[in-house]
C-alpha atoms as a PDB file:
ATOM      1  CA  MET A   1      -3.126   5.644 -18.036  1.00  0.00           C
ATOM      2  CA  SER A   2      -6.552   6.255 -16.582  1.00  0.00           C
ATOM      3  CA  THR A   3      -7.759   9.370 -14.869  1.00  0.00           C
ATOM      4  CA  GLN A   4     -10.347   9.916 -12.224  1.00  0.00           C
ATOM      5  CA  ALA A   5     -11.774  13.280 -11.239  1.00  0.00           C
ATOM      6  CA  ASP A   6     -11.403  12.687  -7.518  1.00  0.00           C
ATOM      7  CA  HIS A   7      -7.658  12.063  -7.414  1.00  0.00           C
ATOM      8  CA  GLY A   8      -6.063  12.597 -10.803  1.00  0.00           C
ATOM      9  CA  PRO A   9      -3.960  10.333 -12.980  1.00  0.00           C
ATOM     10  CA  GLU A  10      -2.960   6.828 -11.969  1.00  0.00           C
ATOM     11  CA  LEU A  11       0.346   5.212 -12.941  1.00  0.00           C
ATOM     12  CA  VAL A  12      -1.298   1.830 -13.567  1.00  0.00           C
ATOM     13  CA  PRO A  13      -4.866   0.556 -13.276  1.00  0.00           C
ATOM     14  CA  ARG A  14      -5.861  -0.890  -9.894  1.00  0.00           C
ATOM     15  CA  PRO A  15      -4.794  -4.558 -10.049  1.00  0.00           C
ATOM     16  CA  GLU A  16      -6.959  -7.513  -9.187  1.00  0.00           C
ATOM     17  CA  GLN A  17      -6.307  -8.838  -5.702  1.00  0.00           C
ATOM     18  CA  THR A  18      -4.320 -11.890  -6.739  1.00  0.00           C
ATOM     19  CA  PRO A  19      -0.626 -12.485  -6.030  1.00  0.00           C
ATOM     20  CA  ASP A  20       0.300 -12.404  -9.728  1.00  0.00           C
ATOM     21  CA  ALA A  21      -1.645  -9.211 -10.480  1.00  0.00           C
ATOM     22  CA  LEU A  22      -0.280  -7.467  -7.392  1.00  0.00           C
ATOM     23  CA  ARG A  23       3.272  -8.494  -8.276  1.00  0.00           C
ATOM     24  CA  ALA A  24       2.886  -7.218 -11.848  1.00  0.00           C
ATOM     25  CA  ALA A  25       1.598  -3.850 -10.609  1.00  0.00           C
ATOM     26  CA  LEU A  26       4.349  -3.566  -8.004  1.00  0.00           C
ATOM     27  CA  ALA A  27       6.953  -4.282 -10.691  1.00  0.00           C
ATOM     28  CA  VAL A  28       5.789  -1.085 -12.405  1.00  0.00           C
ATOM     29  CA  VAL A  29       5.141   1.271  -9.467  1.00  0.00           C
ATOM     30  CA  ALA A  30       7.771   0.149  -6.924  1.00  0.00           C
ATOM     31  CA  PRO A  31      10.103  -2.525  -8.338  1.00  0.00           C
ATOM     32  CA  GLY A  32      12.528  -2.061  -5.462  1.00  0.00           C
ATOM     33  CA  ARG A  33       9.967  -3.659  -3.151  1.00  0.00           C
ATOM     34  CA  LEU A  34       9.589  -6.952  -5.075  1.00  0.00           C
ATOM     35  CA  ALA A  35      11.925  -8.885  -2.763  1.00  0.00           C
ATOM     36  CA  GLU A  36      10.032  -7.577   0.277  1.00  0.00           C
ATOM     37  CA  MET A  37       6.758  -8.647  -1.316  1.00  0.00           C
ATOM     38  CA  GLN A  38       8.060 -12.170  -1.933  1.00  0.00           C
ATOM     39  CA  ARG A  39       9.435 -12.452   1.596  1.00  0.00           C
ATOM     40  CA  THR A  40       6.177 -11.349   3.190  1.00  0.00           C
ATOM     41  CA  LYS A  41       4.201 -13.616   0.855  1.00  0.00           C
ATOM     42  CA  ASP A  42       6.281 -16.597   1.949  1.00  0.00           C
ATOM     43  CA  GLU A  43       5.719 -15.644   5.602  1.00  0.00           C
ATOM     44  CA  ALA A  44       1.954 -15.263   5.093  1.00  0.00           C
ATOM     45  CA  PHE A  45       1.639 -18.619   3.363  1.00  0.00           C
ATOM     46  CA  ALA A  46       3.704 -20.314   6.075  1.00  0.00           C
ATOM     47  CA  LYS A  47       1.446 -18.829   8.763  1.00  0.00           C
ATOM     48  CA  ALA A  48      -1.630 -19.910   6.806  1.00  0.00           C
ATOM     49  CA  VAL A  49      -0.407 -23.491   6.857  1.00  0.00           C
ATOM     50  CA  GLU A  50       0.623 -23.320  10.502  1.00  0.00           C
ATOM     51  CA  TRP A  51      -2.640 -21.701  11.618  1.00  0.00           C
ATOM     52  CA  GLN A  52      -4.790 -23.686   9.169  1.00  0.00           C
ATOM     53  CA  SER A  53      -6.391 -20.386   8.190  1.00  0.00           C
ATOM     54  CA  LEU A  54      -6.439 -18.180   5.130  1.00  0.00           C
ATOM     55  CA  SER A  55      -6.476 -14.992   7.228  1.00  0.00           C
ATOM     56  CA  PRO A  56      -2.693 -14.397   6.926  1.00  0.00           C
ATOM     57  CA  VAL A  57      -2.961 -14.657   3.142  1.00  0.00           C
ATOM     58  CA  ARG A  58      -5.934 -12.290   3.032  1.00  0.00           C
ATOM     59  CA  SER A  59      -4.049  -9.821   5.254  1.00  0.00           C
ATOM     60  CA  TRP A  60      -1.050 -10.043   2.917  1.00  0.00           C
ATOM     61  CA  VAL A  61      -3.230  -9.362  -0.133  1.00  0.00           C
ATOM     62  CA  LEU A  62      -4.903  -6.357   1.496  1.00  0.00           C
ATOM     63  CA  ALA A  63      -1.618  -4.893   2.763  1.00  0.00           C
ATOM     64  CA  TRP A  64      -0.017  -5.088  -0.675  1.00  0.00           C
ATOM     65  CA  ALA A  65      -3.154  -3.899  -2.471  1.00  0.00           C
ATOM     66  CA  ARG A  66      -3.124  -0.887  -0.102  1.00  0.00           C
ATOM     67  CA  ASP A  67       0.580  -0.161  -0.665  1.00  0.00           C
ATOM     68  CA  ILE A  68       0.193  -0.489  -4.433  1.00  0.00           C
ATOM     69  CA  GLU A  69      -2.826   1.831  -4.305  1.00  0.00           C
ATOM     70  CA  ILE A  70      -0.620   4.449  -2.661  1.00  0.00           C
ATOM     71  CA  ALA A  71       2.230   3.945  -5.139  1.00  0.00           C
ATOM     72  CA  ARG A  72       0.019   3.980  -8.243  1.00  0.00           C
ATOM     73  CA  ARG A  73      -1.734   7.223  -7.283  1.00  0.00           C
ATOM     74  CA  PRO A  74       0.586  10.242  -7.282  1.00  0.00           C
ATOM     75  CA  ASP A  75      -1.746  12.167  -4.952  1.00  0.00           C
ATOM     76  CA  LEU A  76      -1.520   9.476  -2.268  1.00  0.00           C
ATOM     77  CA  ALA A  77       2.171   8.799  -2.900  1.00  0.00           C
ATOM     78  CA  THR A  78       3.014  12.475  -2.379  1.00  0.00           C
ATOM     79  CA  ARG A  79       0.991  12.718   0.829  1.00  0.00           C
ATOM     80  CA  HIS A  80       2.468   9.423   2.098  1.00  0.00           C
ATOM     81  CA  ALA A  81       6.073  10.453   1.423  1.00  0.00           C
ATOM     82  CA  ARG A  82       5.592  13.878   3.026  1.00  0.00           C
ATOM     83  CA  ALA A  83       3.971  12.397   6.129  1.00  0.00           C
ATOM     84  CA  LYS A  84       6.756   9.824   6.523  1.00  0.00           C
ATOM     85  CA  ARG A  85       9.405  12.557   6.191  1.00  0.00           C
ATOM     86  CA  LEU A  86       7.744  14.654   8.879  1.00  0.00           C
ATOM     87  CA  LEU A  87       7.319  11.822  11.407  1.00  0.00           C
ATOM     88  CA  GLU A  88      10.751  12.589  12.879  1.00  0.00           C
ATOM     89  CA  HIS A  89      10.303  16.364  12.832  1.00  0.00           C
ATOM     90  CA  GLU A  90      11.760  18.152  15.851  1.00  0.00           C
ATOM     91  CA  ASP A  91       8.466  19.958  16.419  1.00  0.00           C
ATOM     92  CA  GLU A  92       6.220  17.532  18.277  1.00  0.00           C
ATOM     93  CA  ALA A  93       3.010  19.037  16.867  1.00  0.00           C
ATOM     94  CA  THR A  94       4.321  18.656  13.314  1.00  0.00           C
ATOM     95  CA  ALA A  95       5.296  15.042  13.955  1.00  0.00           C
ATOM     96  CA  ARG A  96       1.898  14.324  15.513  1.00  0.00           C
ATOM     97  CA  GLU A  97       0.138  15.907  12.528  1.00  0.00           C
ATOM     98  CA  ALA A  98       2.274  13.801  10.187  1.00  0.00           C
ATOM     99  CA  LEU A  99       1.262  10.655  12.047  1.00  0.00           C
ATOM    100  CA  GLY A 100      -2.389  11.578  11.596  1.00  0.00           C
ATOM    101  CA  GLU A 101      -1.866  12.252   7.909  1.00  0.00           C
ATOM    102  CA  LEU A 102      -0.041   8.955   7.460  1.00  0.00           C
ATOM    103  CA  GLY A 103      -2.974   7.136   9.048  1.00  0.00           C
ATOM    104  CA  ALA A 104      -5.411   9.032   6.816  1.00  0.00           C
ATOM    105  CA  VAL A 105      -3.477   8.042   3.668  1.00  0.00           C
ATOM    106  CA  LEU A 106      -3.337   4.386   4.711  1.00  0.00           C
ATOM    107  CA  ASP A 107      -7.054   4.397   5.540  1.00  0.00           C
ATOM    108  CA  GLU A 108      -7.984   6.044   2.228  1.00  0.00           C
ATOM    109  CA  ALA A 109      -5.938   3.535   0.253  1.00  0.00           C
ATOM    110  CA  LEU A 110      -7.383   0.585   2.165  1.00  0.00           C
ATOM    111  CA  ARG A 111     -10.955   1.796   1.650  1.00  0.00           C
ATOM    112  CA  ALA A 112     -10.259   2.196  -2.082  1.00  0.00           C
ATOM    113  CA  VAL A 113      -9.128  -1.406  -2.462  1.00  0.00           C
ATOM    114  CA  GLN A 114     -11.941  -2.785  -0.303  1.00  0.00           C
ATOM    115  CA  ASP A 115     -14.704  -1.146  -2.388  1.00  0.00           C
END
């Protein structure tokens, strides 16, 4: 397990952005999502063939790298789970704040995997 001063311990190292590396990391941090990953991978590859473009595959890689970044970092995972729970809060201001926090977590994770 590695540690970084800015966000604490990580469950697994950040994986390379390849399907096999992402799958291996997901198997550790969120194994219940493996079927979803395979389904969305199949969809992305089908679109890539249909569109004659690699953009659907690149989008798939980035989306899963982002989600794995959240799952492998307890600080982000905690913020993400709390924000998702509060999205349906009866207090509109609380729900709106949760939506902002959810966006902030997703943005932070995406920036981390794009660096």
